[in-house]
Amino acid sequence: MNECIIGIGSNIDAENNIAGMLQILAEQVEIVRVSSFLKTKPLGISDQPDFTNGAVKIRTHYNYEELIPLLKRIEDQLGRDRTAPKFGPRTMDLDIVVWNSQIVDDDYFSRDFLKTVVDQLI
């Protein structure tokens, strides 16, 4: 069984989209714990709503390569527009940050809000 921590971000109807994401995710993996959520100013493009960021710790039989497309499908189910600018508004953004106790996303080291929510789950 693999354990991982997934970073969560949304700035379009964040409360509903995060709740929906957790429901969809729970149908596929075991949710161990969810962090608190922080409001942050957007990176890059400032003319958009603040983001709600958090993290979720899961256990799964999926391997790393299988989990990535699952997370993308969940983002798509929630209306993620993949043609939007990289730092533009998001209904949902899911990224694997920790995989089996190893930090695999360098954003952990450069984004305080991400480090804060992930550290709650480590």
PDB file of N, CA and C in Angstrom:
ATOM      1  N   MET A   1       0.855  -1.183   0.000  1.00  0.00           N
ATOM      2  CA  MET A   1       0.000   0.000   0.000  1.00  0.00           C
ATOM      3  C   MET A   1       0.893   1.234   0.000  1.00  0.00           C
ATOM      4  N   ASN A   2       0.578   2.180  -0.846  1.00  0.00           N
ATOM      5  CA  ASN A   2       1.331   3.424  -0.937  1.00  0.00           C
ATOM      6  C   ASN A   2       0.633   4.522  -0.148  1.00  0.00           C
ATOM      7  N   GLU A   3       1.432   5.426   0.422  1.00  0.00           N
ATOM      8  CA  GLU A   3       0.904   6.612   1.086  1.00  0.00           C
ATOM      9  C   GLU A   3       1.415   7.835   0.363  1.00  0.00           C
ATOM     10  N   CYS A   4       0.537   8.803   0.226  1.00  0.00           N
ATOM     11  CA  CYS A   4       0.990  10.042  -0.384  1.00  0.00           C
ATOM     12  C   CYS A   4       0.195  11.218   0.141  1.00  0.00           C
ATOM     13  N   ILE A   5       0.758  12.400  -0.058  1.00  0.00           N
ATOM     14  CA  ILE A   5       0.091  13.642   0.289  1.00  0.00           C
ATOM     15  C   ILE A   5      -0.081  14.429  -0.996  1.00  0.00           C
ATOM     16  N   ILE A   6      -1.311  14.848  -1.224  1.00  0.00           N
ATOM     17  CA  ILE A   6      -1.673  15.577  -2.431  1.00  0.00           C
ATOM     18  C   ILE A   6      -1.991  17.013  -2.052  1.00  0.00           C
ATOM     19  N   GLY A   7      -1.361  17.962  -2.745  1.00  0.00           N
ATOM     20  CA  GLY A   7      -1.687  19.366  -2.568  1.00  0.00           C
ATOM     21  C   GLY A   7      -2.975  19.687  -3.301  1.00  0.00           C
ATOM     22  N   ILE A   8      -3.800  20.536  -2.686  1.00  0.00           N
ATOM     23  CA  ILE A   8      -5.111  20.906  -3.218  1.00  0.00           C
ATOM     24  C   ILE A   8      -5.151  22.420  -3.397  1.00  0.00           C
ATOM     25  N   GLY A   9      -5.656  22.879  -4.522  1.00  0.00           N
ATOM     26  CA  GLY A   9      -5.850  24.310  -4.726  1.00  0.00           C
ATOM     27  C   GLY A   9      -7.068  24.573  -5.586  1.00  0.00           C
ATOM     28  N   SER A  10      -7.837  25.608  -5.216  1.00  0.00           N
ATOM     29  CA  SER A  10      -9.001  26.011  -5.997  1.00  0.00           C
ATOM     30  C   SER A  10      -9.308  27.474  -5.728  1.00  0.00           C
ATOM     31  N   ASN A  11      -9.694  28.200  -6.777  1.00  0.00           N
ATOM     32  CA  ASN A  11     -10.171  29.560  -6.559  1.00  0.00           C
ATOM     33  C   ASN A  11     -11.442  29.850  -7.352  1.00  0.00           C
ATOM     34  N   ILE A  12     -12.107  28.811  -7.796  1.00  0.00           N
ATOM     35  CA  ILE A  12     -13.424  28.928  -8.427  1.00  0.00           C
ATOM     36  C   ILE A  12     -14.366  28.034  -7.625  1.00  0.00           C
ATOM     37  N   ASP A  13     -15.305  28.646  -6.898  1.00  0.00           N
ATOM     38  CA  ASP A  13     -16.253  27.899  -6.065  1.00  0.00           C
ATOM     39  C   ASP A  13     -15.516  26.850  -5.233  1.00  0.00           C
ATOM     40  N   ALA A  14     -14.464  27.310  -4.562  1.00  0.00           N
ATOM     41  CA  ALA A  14     -13.523  26.415  -3.876  1.00  0.00           C
ATOM     42  C   ALA A  14     -14.202  25.485  -2.874  1.00  0.00           C
ATOM     43  N   GLU A  15     -15.100  26.002  -2.055  1.00  0.00           N
ATOM     44  CA  GLU A  15     -15.713  25.160  -1.021  1.00  0.00           C
ATOM     45  C   GLU A  15     -16.426  23.965  -1.640  1.00  0.00           C
ATOM     46  N   ASN A  16     -17.237  24.212  -2.652  1.00  0.00           N
ATOM     47  CA  ASN A  16     -17.967  23.119  -3.304  1.00  0.00           C
ATOM     48  C   ASN A  16     -17.046  22.203  -4.101  1.00  0.00           C
ATOM     49  N   ASN A  17     -16.073  22.779  -4.801  1.00  0.00           N
ATOM     50  CA  ASN A  17     -15.175  21.952  -5.606  1.00  0.00           C
ATOM     51  C   ASN A  17     -14.270  21.080  -4.742  1.00  0.00           C
ATOM     52  N   ILE A  18     -13.815  21.606  -3.611  1.00  0.00           N
ATOM     53  CA  ILE A  18     -12.971  20.799  -2.726  1.00  0.00           C
ATOM     54  C   ILE A  18     -13.800  19.673  -2.101  1.00  0.00           C
ATOM     55  N   ALA A  19     -15.011  19.981  -1.674  1.00  0.00           N
ATOM     56  CA  ALA A  19     -15.884  18.938  -1.114  1.00  0.00           C
ATOM     57  C   ALA A  19     -16.171  17.858  -2.158  1.00  0.00           C
ATOM     58  N   GLY A  20     -16.443  18.280  -3.388  1.00  0.00           N
ATOM     59  CA  GLY A  20     -16.701  17.312  -4.454  1.00  0.00           C
ATOM     60  C   GLY A  20     -15.486  16.472  -4.770  1.00  0.00           C
ATOM     61  N   MET A  21     -14.308  17.109  -4.784  1.00  0.00           N
ATOM     62  CA  MET A  21     -13.067  16.375  -5.053  1.00  0.00           C
ATOM     63  C   MET A  21     -12.839  15.319  -3.989  1.00  0.00           C
ATOM     64  N   LEU A  22     -13.024  15.684  -2.714  1.00  0.00           N
ATOM     65  CA  LEU A  22     -12.802  14.719  -1.634  1.00  0.00           C
ATOM     66  C   LEU A  22     -13.771  13.536  -1.740  1.00  0.00           C
ATOM     67  N   GLN A  23     -14.990  13.800  -2.154  1.00  0.00           N
ATOM     68  CA  GLN A  23     -15.970  12.725  -2.326  1.00  0.00           C
ATOM     69  C   GLN A  23     -15.554  11.791  -3.460  1.00  0.00           C
ATOM     70  N   ILE A  24     -15.154  12.362  -4.592  1.00  0.00           N
ATOM     71  CA  ILE A  24     -14.715  11.548  -5.727  1.00  0.00           C
ATOM     72  C   ILE A  24     -13.453  10.770  -5.360  1.00  0.00           C
ATOM     73  N   LEU A  25     -12.500  11.436  -4.717  1.00  0.00           N
ATOM     74  CA  LEU A  25     -11.238  10.794  -4.340  1.00  0.00           C
ATOM     75  C   LEU A  25     -11.482   9.629  -3.390  1.00  0.00           C
ATOM     76  N   ALA A  26     -12.401   9.810  -2.439  1.00  0.00           N
ATOM     77  CA  ALA A  26     -12.687   8.768  -1.447  1.00  0.00           C
ATOM     78  C   ALA A  26     -13.273   7.505  -2.076  1.00  0.00           C
ATOM     79  N   GLU A  27     -13.819   7.629  -3.282  1.00  0.00           N
ATOM     80  CA  GLU A  27     -14.335   6.452  -3.986  1.00  0.00           C
ATOM     81  C   GLU A  27     -13.208   5.616  -4.595  1.00  0.00           C
ATOM     82  N   GLN A  28     -12.005   6.201  -4.705  1.00  0.00           N
ATOM     83  CA  GLN A  28     -10.885   5.546  -5.372  1.00  0.00           C
ATOM     84  C   GLN A  28      -9.744   5.143  -4.431  1.00  0.00           C
ATOM     85  N   VAL A  29      -9.586   5.881  -3.332  1.00  0.00           N
ATOM     86  CA  VAL A  29      -8.468   5.664  -2.413  1.00  0.00           C
ATOM     87  C   VAL A  29      -8.970   5.810  -0.979  1.00  0.00           C
ATOM     88  N   GLU A  30      -8.131   5.478  -0.021  1.00  0.00           N
ATOM     89  CA  GLU A  30      -8.453   5.684   1.389  1.00  0.00           C
ATOM     90  C   GLU A  30      -7.926   7.051   1.825  1.00  0.00           C
ATOM     91  N   ILE A  31      -8.826   7.919   2.242  1.00  0.00           N
ATOM     92  CA  ILE A  31      -8.406   9.215   2.764  1.00  0.00           C
ATOM     93  C   ILE A  31      -8.048   9.028   4.234  1.00  0.00           C
ATOM     94  N   VAL A  32      -6.810   9.363   4.574  1.00  0.00           N
ATOM     95  CA  VAL A  32      -6.311   9.211   5.940  1.00  0.00           C
ATOM     96  C   VAL A  32      -6.617  10.465   6.748  1.00  0.00           C
ATOM     97  N   ARG A  33      -6.301  11.616   6.173  1.00  0.00           N
ATOM     98  CA  ARG A  33      -6.487  12.880   6.885  1.00  0.00           C
ATOM     99  C   ARG A  33      -6.465  14.044   5.903  1.00  0.00           C
ATOM    100  N   VAL A  34      -7.170  15.105   6.274  1.00  0.00           N
ATOM    101  CA  VAL A  34      -7.204  16.319   5.468  1.00  0.00           C
ATOM    102  C   VAL A  34      -6.645  17.449   6.319  1.00  0.00           C
ATOM    103  N   SER A  35      -5.819  18.268   5.728  1.00  0.00           N
ATOM    104  CA  SER A  35      -5.220  19.412   6.430  1.00  0.00           C
ATOM    105  C   SER A  35      -6.263  20.506   6.638  1.00  0.00           C
ATOM    106  N   SER A  36      -5.854  21.541   7.337  1.00  0.00           N
ATOM    107  CA  SER A  36      -6.648  22.766   7.350  1.00  0.00           C
ATOM    108  C   SER A  36      -6.488  23.420   5.981  1.00  0.00           C
ATOM    109  N   PHE A  37      -7.272  24.456   5.730  1.00  0.00           N
ATOM    110  CA  PHE A  37      -7.197  25.156   4.450  1.00  0.00           C
ATOM    111  C   PHE A  37      -6.797  26.600   4.688  1.00  0.00           C
ATOM    112  N   LEU A  38      -5.970  27.119   3.775  1.00  0.00           N
ATOM    113  CA  LEU A  38      -5.458  28.483   3.863  1.00  0.00           C
ATOM    114  C   LEU A  38      -5.895  29.264   2.642  1.00  0.00           C
ATOM    115  N   LYS A  39      -6.204  30.526   2.828  1.00  0.00           N
ATOM    116  CA  LYS A  39      -6.469  31.425   1.705  1.00  0.00           C
ATOM    117  C   LYS A  39      -5.153  32.069   1.316  1.00  0.00           C
ATOM    118  N   THR A  40      -4.862  32.089   0.027  1.00  0.00           N
ATOM    119  CA  THR A  40      -3.623  32.697  -0.459  1.00  0.00           C
ATOM    120  C   THR A  40      -3.914  33.568  -1.667  1.00  0.00           C
ATOM    121  N   LYS A  41      -3.080  34.573  -1.828  1.00  0.00           N
ATOM    122  CA  LYS A  41      -3.148  35.409  -3.015  1.00  0.00           C
ATOM    123  C   LYS A  41      -2.670  34.582  -4.206  1.00  0.00           C
ATOM    124  N   PRO A  42      -3.243  34.796  -5.374  1.00  0.00           N
ATOM    125  CA  PRO A  42      -2.806  34.042  -6.548  1.00  0.00           C
ATOM    126  C   PRO A  42      -1.373  34.369  -6.932  1.00  0.00           C
ATOM    127  N   LEU A  43      -0.687  33.396  -7.484  1.00  0.00           N
ATOM    128  CA  LEU A  43       0.667  33.580  -7.998  1.00  0.00           C
ATOM    129  C   LEU A  43       0.573  33.946  -9.477  1.00  0.00           C
ATOM    130  N   GLY A  44       1.457  34.795  -9.925  1.00  0.00           N
ATOM    131  CA  GLY A  44       1.525  35.115 -11.349  1.00  0.00           C
ATOM    132  C   GLY A  44       0.481  36.109 -11.810  1.00  0.00           C
ATOM    133  N   ILE A  45      -0.750  35.685 -11.958  1.00  0.00           N
ATOM    134  CA  ILE A  45      -1.836  36.545 -12.429  1.00  0.00           C
ATOM    135  C   ILE A  45      -2.618  37.024 -11.209  1.00  0.00           C
ATOM    136  N   SER A  46      -2.475  38.306 -10.869  1.00  0.00           N
ATOM    137  CA  SER A  46      -3.063  38.799  -9.611  1.00  0.00           C
ATOM    138  C   SER A  46      -4.535  39.170  -9.747  1.00  0.00           C
ATOM    139  N   ASP A  47      -5.036  39.374 -10.954  1.00  0.00           N
ATOM    140  CA  ASP A  47      -6.417  39.785 -11.161  1.00  0.00           C
ATOM    141  C   ASP A  47      -7.350  38.566 -11.224  1.00  0.00           C
ATOM    142  N   GLN A  48      -7.462  37.870 -10.092  1.00  0.00           N
ATOM    143  CA  GLN A  48      -8.339  36.715  -9.958  1.00  0.00           C
ATOM    144  C   GLN A  48      -8.593  36.493  -8.473  1.00  0.00           C
ATOM    145  N   PRO A  49      -9.599  35.692  -8.126  1.00  0.00           N
ATOM    146  CA  PRO A  49      -9.903  35.468  -6.710  1.00  0.00           C
ATOM    147  C   PRO A  49      -8.755  34.764  -5.978  1.00  0.00           C
ATOM    148  N   ASP A  50      -8.714  34.936  -4.651  1.00  0.00           N
ATOM    149  CA  ASP A  50      -7.746  34.221  -3.820  1.00  0.00           C
ATOM    150  C   ASP A  50      -7.979  32.720  -3.931  1.00  0.00           C
ATOM    151  N   PHE A  51      -6.926  31.967  -3.695  1.00  0.00           N
ATOM    152  CA  PHE A  51      -6.996  30.508  -3.715  1.00  0.00           C
ATOM    153  C   PHE A  51      -7.276  29.967  -2.321  1.00  0.00           C
ATOM    154  N   THR A  52      -7.930  28.829  -2.275  1.00  0.00           N
ATOM    155  CA  THR A  52      -8.046  28.025  -1.072  1.00  0.00           C
ATOM    156  C   THR A  52      -7.118  26.846  -1.282  1.00  0.00           C
ATOM    157  N   ASN A  53      -6.157  26.676  -0.360  1.00  0.00           N
ATOM    158  CA  ASN A  53      -5.148  25.616  -0.491  1.00  0.00           C
ATOM    159  C   ASN A  53      -5.165  24.713   0.728  1.00  0.00           C
ATOM    160  N   GLY A  54      -4.941  23.439   0.484  1.00  0.00           N
ATOM    161  CA  GLY A  54      -4.847  22.463   1.552  1.00  0.00           C
ATOM    162  C   GLY A  54      -4.112  21.242   1.043  1.00  0.00           C
ATOM    163  N   ALA A  55      -4.238  20.155   1.792  1.00  0.00           N
ATOM    164  CA  ALA A  55      -3.601  18.900   1.386  1.00  0.00           C
ATOM    165  C   ALA A  55      -4.411  17.740   1.952  1.00  0.00           C
ATOM    166  N   VAL A  56      -4.263  16.595   1.322  1.00  0.00           N
ATOM    167  CA  VAL A  56      -4.932  15.384   1.781  1.00  0.00           C
ATOM    168  C   VAL A  56      -3.924  14.237   1.767  1.00  0.00           C
ATOM    169  N   LYS A  57      -3.906  13.482   2.843  1.00  0.00           N
ATOM    170  CA  LYS A  57      -3.047  12.295   2.929  1.00  0.00           C
ATOM    171  C   LYS A  57      -3.902  11.085   2.591  1.00  0.00           C
ATOM    172  N   ILE A  58      -3.394  10.252   1.682  1.00  0.00           N
ATOM    173  CA  ILE A  58      -4.150   9.074   1.250  1.00  0.00           C
ATOM    174  C   ILE A  58      -3.301   7.811   1.329  1.00  0.00           C
ATOM    175  N   ARG A  59      -3.980   6.678   1.320  1.00  0.00           N
ATOM    176  CA  ARG A  59      -3.364   5.362   1.108  1.00  0.00           C
ATOM    177  C   ARG A  59      -4.013   4.779  -0.131  1.00  0.00           C
ATOM    178  N   THR A  60      -3.197   4.156  -0.961  1.00  0.00           N
ATOM    179  CA  THR A  60      -3.723   3.658  -2.223  1.00  0.00           C
ATOM    180  C   THR A  60      -2.942   2.454  -2.733  1.00  0.00           C
ATOM    181  N   HIS A  61      -3.629   1.633  -3.514  1.00  0.00           N
ATOM    182  CA  HIS A  61      -2.972   0.542  -4.223  1.00  0.00           C
ATOM    183  C   HIS A  61      -2.396   1.027  -5.554  1.00  0.00           C
ATOM    184  N   TYR A  62      -2.811   2.234  -5.990  1.00  0.00           N
ATOM    185  CA  TYR A  62      -2.251   2.793  -7.219  1.00  0.00           C
ATOM    186  C   TYR A  62      -0.767   3.064  -7.023  1.00  0.00           C
ATOM    187  N   ASN A  63       0.014   2.875  -8.083  1.00  0.00           N
ATOM    188  CA  ASN A  63       1.402   3.323  -8.026  1.00  0.00           C
ATOM    189  C   ASN A  63       1.442   4.781  -8.481  1.00  0.00           C
ATOM    190  N   TYR A  64       2.597   5.391  -8.393  1.00  0.00           N
ATOM    191  CA  TYR A  64       2.755   6.816  -8.710  1.00  0.00           C
ATOM    192  C   TYR A  64       2.260   7.130 -10.122  1.00  0.00           C
ATOM    193  N   GLU A  65       2.677   6.317 -11.085  1.00  0.00           N
ATOM    194  CA  GLU A  65       2.329   6.555 -12.489  1.00  0.00           C
ATOM    195  C   GLU A  65       0.843   6.379 -12.744  1.00  0.00           C
ATOM    196  N   GLU A  66       0.166   5.560 -11.955  1.00  0.00           N
ATOM    197  CA  GLU A  66      -1.281   5.372 -12.105  1.00  0.00           C
ATOM    198  C   GLU A  66      -2.075   6.478 -11.410  1.00  0.00           C
ATOM    199  N   LEU A  67      -1.528   7.018 -10.331  1.00  0.00           N
ATOM    200  CA  LEU A  67      -2.252   8.029  -9.554  1.00  0.00           C
ATOM    201  C   LEU A  67      -2.335   9.359 -10.294  1.00  0.00           C
ATOM    202  N   ILE A  68      -1.298   9.725 -11.020  1.00  0.00           N
ATOM    203  CA  ILE A  68      -1.293  11.018 -11.725  1.00  0.00           C
ATOM    204  C   ILE A  68      -2.489  11.151 -12.679  1.00  0.00           C
ATOM    205  N   PRO A  69      -2.746  10.179 -13.570  1.00  0.00           N
ATOM    206  CA  PRO A  69      -3.916  10.329 -14.453  1.00  0.00           C
ATOM    207  C   PRO A  69      -5.244  10.311 -13.689  1.00  0.00           C
ATOM    208  N   LEU A  70      -5.308   9.582 -12.576  1.00  0.00           N
ATOM    209  CA  LEU A  70      -6.523   9.600 -11.761  1.00  0.00           C
ATOM    210  C   LEU A  70      -6.782  11.014 -11.250  1.00  0.00           C
ATOM    211  N   LEU A  71      -5.747  11.686 -10.750  1.00  0.00           N
ATOM    212  CA  LEU A  71      -5.906  13.053 -10.249  1.00  0.00           C
ATOM    213  C   LEU A  71      -6.322  13.993 -11.386  1.00  0.00           C
ATOM    214  N   LYS A  72      -5.771  13.799 -12.564  1.00  0.00           N
ATOM    215  CA  LYS A  72      -6.148  14.640 -13.717  1.00  0.00           C
ATOM    216  C   LYS A  72      -7.615  14.411 -14.098  1.00  0.00           C
ATOM    217  N   ARG A  73      -8.072  13.166 -14.032  1.00  0.00           N
ATOM    218  CA  ARG A  73      -9.480  12.874 -14.336  1.00  0.00           C
ATOM    219  C   ARG A  73     -10.400  13.555 -13.310  1.00  0.00           C
ATOM    220  N   ILE A  74      -9.997  13.557 -12.045  1.00  0.00           N
ATOM    221  CA  ILE A  74     -10.799  14.233 -11.019  1.00  0.00           C
ATOM    222  C   ILE A  74     -10.843  15.732 -11.296  1.00  0.00           C
ATOM    223  N   GLU A  75      -9.698  16.324 -11.622  1.00  0.00           N
ATOM    224  CA  GLU A  75      -9.673  17.744 -11.983  1.00  0.00           C
ATOM    225  C   GLU A  75     -10.631  18.010 -13.150  1.00  0.00           C
ATOM    226  N   ASP A  76     -10.585  17.143 -14.163  1.00  0.00           N
ATOM    227  CA  ASP A  76     -11.441  17.307 -15.336  1.00  0.00           C
ATOM    228  C   ASP A  76     -12.924  17.174 -14.972  1.00  0.00           C
ATOM    229  N   GLN A  77     -13.255  16.218 -14.108  1.00  0.00           N
ATOM    230  CA  GLN A  77     -14.639  16.042 -13.660  1.00  0.00           C
ATOM    231  C   GLN A  77     -15.169  17.309 -13.006  1.00  0.00           C
ATOM    232  N   LEU A  78     -14.275  18.051 -12.360  1.00  0.00           N
ATOM    233  CA  LEU A  78     -14.669  19.269 -11.667  1.00  0.00           C
ATOM    234  C   LEU A  78     -14.560  20.504 -12.554  1.00  0.00           C
ATOM    235  N   GLY A  79     -14.345  20.300 -13.854  1.00  0.00           N
ATOM    236  CA  GLY A  79     -14.382  21.397 -14.800  1.00  0.00           C
ATOM    237  C   GLY A  79     -13.068  22.124 -15.018  1.00  0.00           C
ATOM    238  N   ARG A  80     -11.956  21.494 -14.731  1.00  0.00           N
ATOM    239  CA  ARG A  80     -10.655  22.136 -14.950  1.00  0.00           C
ATOM    240  C   ARG A  80     -10.494  22.477 -16.423  1.00  0.00           C
ATOM    241  N   ASP A  81     -10.150  23.730 -16.706  1.00  0.00           N
ATOM    242  CA  ASP A  81      -9.916  24.197 -18.062  1.00  0.00           C
ATOM    243  C   ASP A  81      -8.417  24.134 -18.337  1.00  0.00           C
ATOM    244  N   ARG A  82      -7.990  23.160 -19.109  1.00  0.00           N
ATOM    245  CA  ARG A  82      -6.562  22.966 -19.362  1.00  0.00           C
ATOM    246  C   ARG A  82      -6.010  23.937 -20.408  1.00  0.00           C
ATOM    247  N   THR A  83      -6.882  24.750 -21.007  1.00  0.00           N
ATOM    248  CA  THR A  83      -6.409  25.747 -21.957  1.00  0.00           C
ATOM    249  C   THR A  83      -6.117  27.078 -21.265  1.00  0.00           C
ATOM    250  N   ALA A  84      -6.503  27.206 -19.994  1.00  0.00           N
ATOM    251  CA  ALA A  84      -6.289  28.448 -19.243  1.00  0.00           C
ATOM    252  C   ALA A  84      -4.798  28.626 -18.941  1.00  0.00           C
ATOM    253  N   PRO A  85      -4.369  29.874 -18.708  1.00  0.00           N
ATOM    254  CA  PRO A  85      -2.962  30.115 -18.364  1.00  0.00           C
ATOM    255  C   PRO A  85      -2.534  29.317 -17.129  1.00  0.00           C
ATOM    256  N   LYS A  86      -1.234  28.990 -17.075  1.00  0.00           N
ATOM    257  CA  LYS A  86      -0.691  28.157 -15.994  1.00  0.00           C
ATOM    258  C   LYS A  86      -1.054  28.676 -14.611  1.00  0.00           C
ATOM    259  N   PHE A  87      -0.983  29.973 -14.395  1.00  0.00           N
ATOM    260  CA  PHE A  87      -1.282  30.531 -13.080  1.00  0.00           C
ATOM    261  C   PHE A  87      -2.653  31.191 -13.040  1.00  0.00           C
ATOM    262  N   GLY A  88      -3.542  30.775 -13.941  1.00  0.00           N
ATOM    263  CA  GLY A  88      -4.889  31.327 -13.989  1.00  0.00           C
ATOM    264  C   GLY A  88      -5.833  30.635 -13.016  1.00  0.00           C
ATOM    265  N   PRO A  89      -7.104  31.048 -13.031  1.00  0.00           N
ATOM    266  CA  PRO A  89      -8.102  30.459 -12.132  1.00  0.00           C
ATOM    267  C   PRO A  89      -8.236  28.951 -12.336  1.00  0.00           C
ATOM    268  N   ARG A  90      -8.568  28.261 -11.248  1.00  0.00           N
ATOM    269  CA  ARG A  90      -8.697  26.800 -11.276  1.00  0.00           C
ATOM    270  C   ARG A  90      -9.918  26.360 -10.472  1.00  0.00           C
ATOM    271  N   THR A  91     -10.710  25.459 -11.064  1.00  0.00           N
ATOM    272  CA  THR A  91     -11.746  24.812 -10.261  1.00  0.00           C
ATOM    273  C   THR A  91     -11.068  23.832  -9.303  1.00  0.00           C
ATOM    274  N   MET A  92      -9.986  23.195  -9.789  1.00  0.00           N
ATOM    275  CA  MET A  92      -9.264  22.235  -8.952  1.00  0.00           C
ATOM    276  C   MET A  92      -7.864  22.031  -9.501  1.00  0.00           C
ATOM    277  N   ASP A  93      -6.908  22.003  -8.591  1.00  0.00           N
ATOM    278  CA  ASP A  93      -5.523  21.701  -8.925  1.00  0.00           C
ATOM    279  C   ASP A  93      -5.034  20.688  -7.902  1.00  0.00           C
ATOM    280  N   LEU A  94      -4.630  19.521  -8.365  1.00  0.00           N
ATOM    281  CA  LEU A  94      -4.163  18.439  -7.494  1.00  0.00           C
ATOM    282  C   LEU A  94      -2.758  18.032  -7.918  1.00  0.00           C
ATOM    283  N   ASP A  95      -1.837  18.017  -6.957  1.00  0.00           N
ATOM    284  CA  ASP A  95      -0.459  17.639  -7.243  1.00  0.00           C
ATOM    285  C   ASP A  95       0.072  16.744  -6.137  1.00  0.00           C
ATOM    286  N   ILE A  96       0.743  15.676  -6.530  1.00  0.00           N
ATOM    287  CA  ILE A  96       1.395  14.812  -5.545  1.00  0.00           C
ATOM    288  C   ILE A  96       2.605  15.572  -5.004  1.00  0.00           C
ATOM    289  N   VAL A  97       2.654  15.741  -3.689  1.00  0.00           N
ATOM    290  CA  VAL A  97       3.752  16.465  -3.056  1.00  0.00           C
ATOM    291  C   VAL A  97       4.682  15.503  -2.326  1.00  0.00           C
ATOM    292  N   VAL A  98       4.118  14.506  -1.661  1.00  0.00           N
ATOM    293  CA  VAL A  98       4.906  13.514  -0.928  1.00  0.00           C
ATOM    294  C   VAL A  98       4.447  12.130  -1.377  1.00  0.00           C
ATOM    295  N   TRP A  99       5.420  11.289  -1.735  1.00  0.00           N
ATOM    296  CA  TRP A  99       5.122   9.912  -2.137  1.00  0.00           C
ATOM    297  C   TRP A  99       5.931   8.977  -1.249  1.00  0.00           C
ATOM    298  N   ASN A 100       5.238   8.157  -0.462  1.00  0.00           N
ATOM    299  CA  ASN A 100       5.900   7.204   0.442  1.00  0.00           C
ATOM    300  C   ASN A 100       7.048   7.877   1.211  1.00  0.00           C
ATOM    301  N   SER A 101       6.710   8.971   1.880  1.00  0.00           N
ATOM    302  CA  SER A 101       7.611   9.729   2.768  1.00  0.00           C
ATOM    303  C   SER A 101       8.697  10.524   2.042  1.00  0.00           C
ATOM    304  N   GLN A 102       8.677  10.569   0.721  1.00  0.00           N
ATOM    305  CA  GLN A 102       9.665  11.333  -0.043  1.00  0.00           C
ATOM    306  C   GLN A 102       8.987  12.547  -0.689  1.00  0.00           C
ATOM    307  N   ILE A 103       9.550  13.721  -0.494  1.00  0.00           N
ATOM    308  CA  ILE A 103       9.020  14.920  -1.136  1.00  0.00           C
ATOM    309  C   ILE A 103       9.364  14.844  -2.624  1.00  0.00           C
ATOM    310  N   VAL A 104       8.329  14.916  -3.466  1.00  0.00           N
ATOM    311  CA  VAL A 104       8.518  14.760  -4.910  1.00  0.00           C
ATOM    312  C   VAL A 104       8.127  16.018  -5.686  1.00  0.00           C
ATOM    313  N   ASP A 105       7.709  17.064  -4.993  1.00  0.00           N
ATOM    314  CA  ASP A 105       7.329  18.320  -5.646  1.00  0.00           C
ATOM    315  C   ASP A 105       8.155  19.445  -5.042  1.00  0.00           C
ATOM    316  N   ASP A 106       9.006  20.052  -5.850  1.00  0.00           N
ATOM    317  CA  ASP A 106       9.891  21.118  -5.363  1.00  0.00           C
ATOM    318  C   ASP A 106       9.133  22.335  -4.860  1.00  0.00           C
ATOM    319  N   ASP A 107       7.862  22.499  -5.241  1.00  0.00           N
ATOM    320  CA  ASP A 107       7.070  23.622  -4.736  1.00  0.00           C
ATOM    321  C   ASP A 107       6.955  23.580  -3.209  1.00  0.00           C
ATOM    322  N   TYR A 108       7.102  22.402  -2.635  1.00  0.00           N
ATOM    323  CA  TYR A 108       7.076  22.269  -1.173  1.00  0.00           C
ATOM    324  C   TYR A 108       8.112  23.191  -0.531  1.00  0.00           C
ATOM    325  N   PHE A 109       9.263  23.338  -1.170  1.00  0.00           N
ATOM    326  CA  PHE A 109      10.361  24.121  -0.606  1.00  0.00           C
ATOM    327  C   PHE A 109      10.240  25.621  -0.877  1.00  0.00           C
ATOM    328  N   SER A 110       9.424  26.001  -1.851  1.00  0.00           N
ATOM    329  CA  SER A 110       9.359  27.418  -2.228  1.00  0.00           C
ATOM    330  C   SER A 110       8.021  28.097  -1.925  1.00  0.00           C
ATOM    331  N   ARG A 111       7.019  27.328  -1.594  1.00  0.00           N
ATOM    332  CA  ARG A 111       5.700  27.906  -1.315  1.00  0.00           C
ATOM    333  C   ARG A 111       5.318  27.596   0.133  1.00  0.00           C
ATOM    334  N   ASP A 112       5.418  28.628   0.967  1.00  0.00           N
ATOM    335  CA  ASP A 112       5.174  28.450   2.406  1.00  0.00           C
ATOM    336  C   ASP A 112       3.813  27.840   2.700  1.00  0.00           C
ATOM    337  N   PHE A 113       2.780  28.270   1.967  1.00  0.00           N
ATOM    338  CA  PHE A 113       1.438  27.749   2.225  1.00  0.00           C
ATOM    339  C   PHE A 113       1.381  26.251   1.977  1.00  0.00           C
ATOM    340  N   LEU A 114       2.077  25.759   0.959  1.00  0.00           N
ATOM    341  CA  LEU A 114       2.091  24.331   0.658  1.00  0.00           C
ATOM    342  C   LEU A 114       2.841  23.573   1.741  1.00  0.00           C
ATOM    343  N   LYS A 115       3.982  24.078   2.145  1.00  0.00           N
ATOM    344  CA  LYS A 115       4.760  23.447   3.226  1.00  0.00           C
ATOM    345  C   LYS A 115       3.927  23.374   4.494  1.00  0.00           C
ATOM    346  N   THR A 116       3.208  24.443   4.822  1.00  0.00           N
ATOM    347  CA  THR A 116       2.406  24.494   6.040  1.00  0.00           C
ATOM    348  C   THR A 116       1.344  23.395   6.062  1.00  0.00           C
ATOM    349  N   VAL A 117       0.573  23.261   4.971  1.00  0.00           N
ATOM    350  CA  VAL A 117      -0.511  22.272   4.979  1.00  0.00           C
ATOM    351  C   VAL A 117       0.028  20.848   4.875  1.00  0.00           C
ATOM    352  N   VAL A 118       1.090  20.655   4.112  1.00  0.00           N
ATOM    353  CA  VAL A 118       1.681  19.320   4.000  1.00  0.00           C
ATOM    354  C   VAL A 118       2.278  18.892   5.338  1.00  0.00           C
ATOM    355  N   ASP A 119       2.981  19.812   6.010  1.00  0.00           N
ATOM    356  CA  ASP A 119       3.593  19.475   7.300  1.00  0.00           C
ATOM    357  C   ASP A 119       2.564  19.059   8.334  1.00  0.00           C
ATOM    358  N   GLN A 120       1.338  19.528   8.221  1.00  0.00           N
ATOM    359  CA  GLN A 120       0.278  19.100   9.133  1.00  0.00           C
ATOM    360  C   GLN A 120       0.010  17.602   9.003  1.00  0.00           C
ATOM    361  N   LEU A 121       0.316  17.044   7.847  1.00  0.00           N
ATOM    362  CA  LEU A 121      -0.018  15.637   7.555  1.00  0.00           C
ATOM    363  C   LEU A 121       1.184  14.700   7.637  1.00  0.00           C
ATOM    364  N   ILE A 122       2.379  15.267   7.734  1.00  0.00           N
ATOM    365  CA  ILE A 122       3.582  14.417   7.802  1.00  0.00           C
ATOM    366  C   ILE A 122       3.712  13.838   9.196  1.00  0.00           C
TER     367      ILE A 122
END
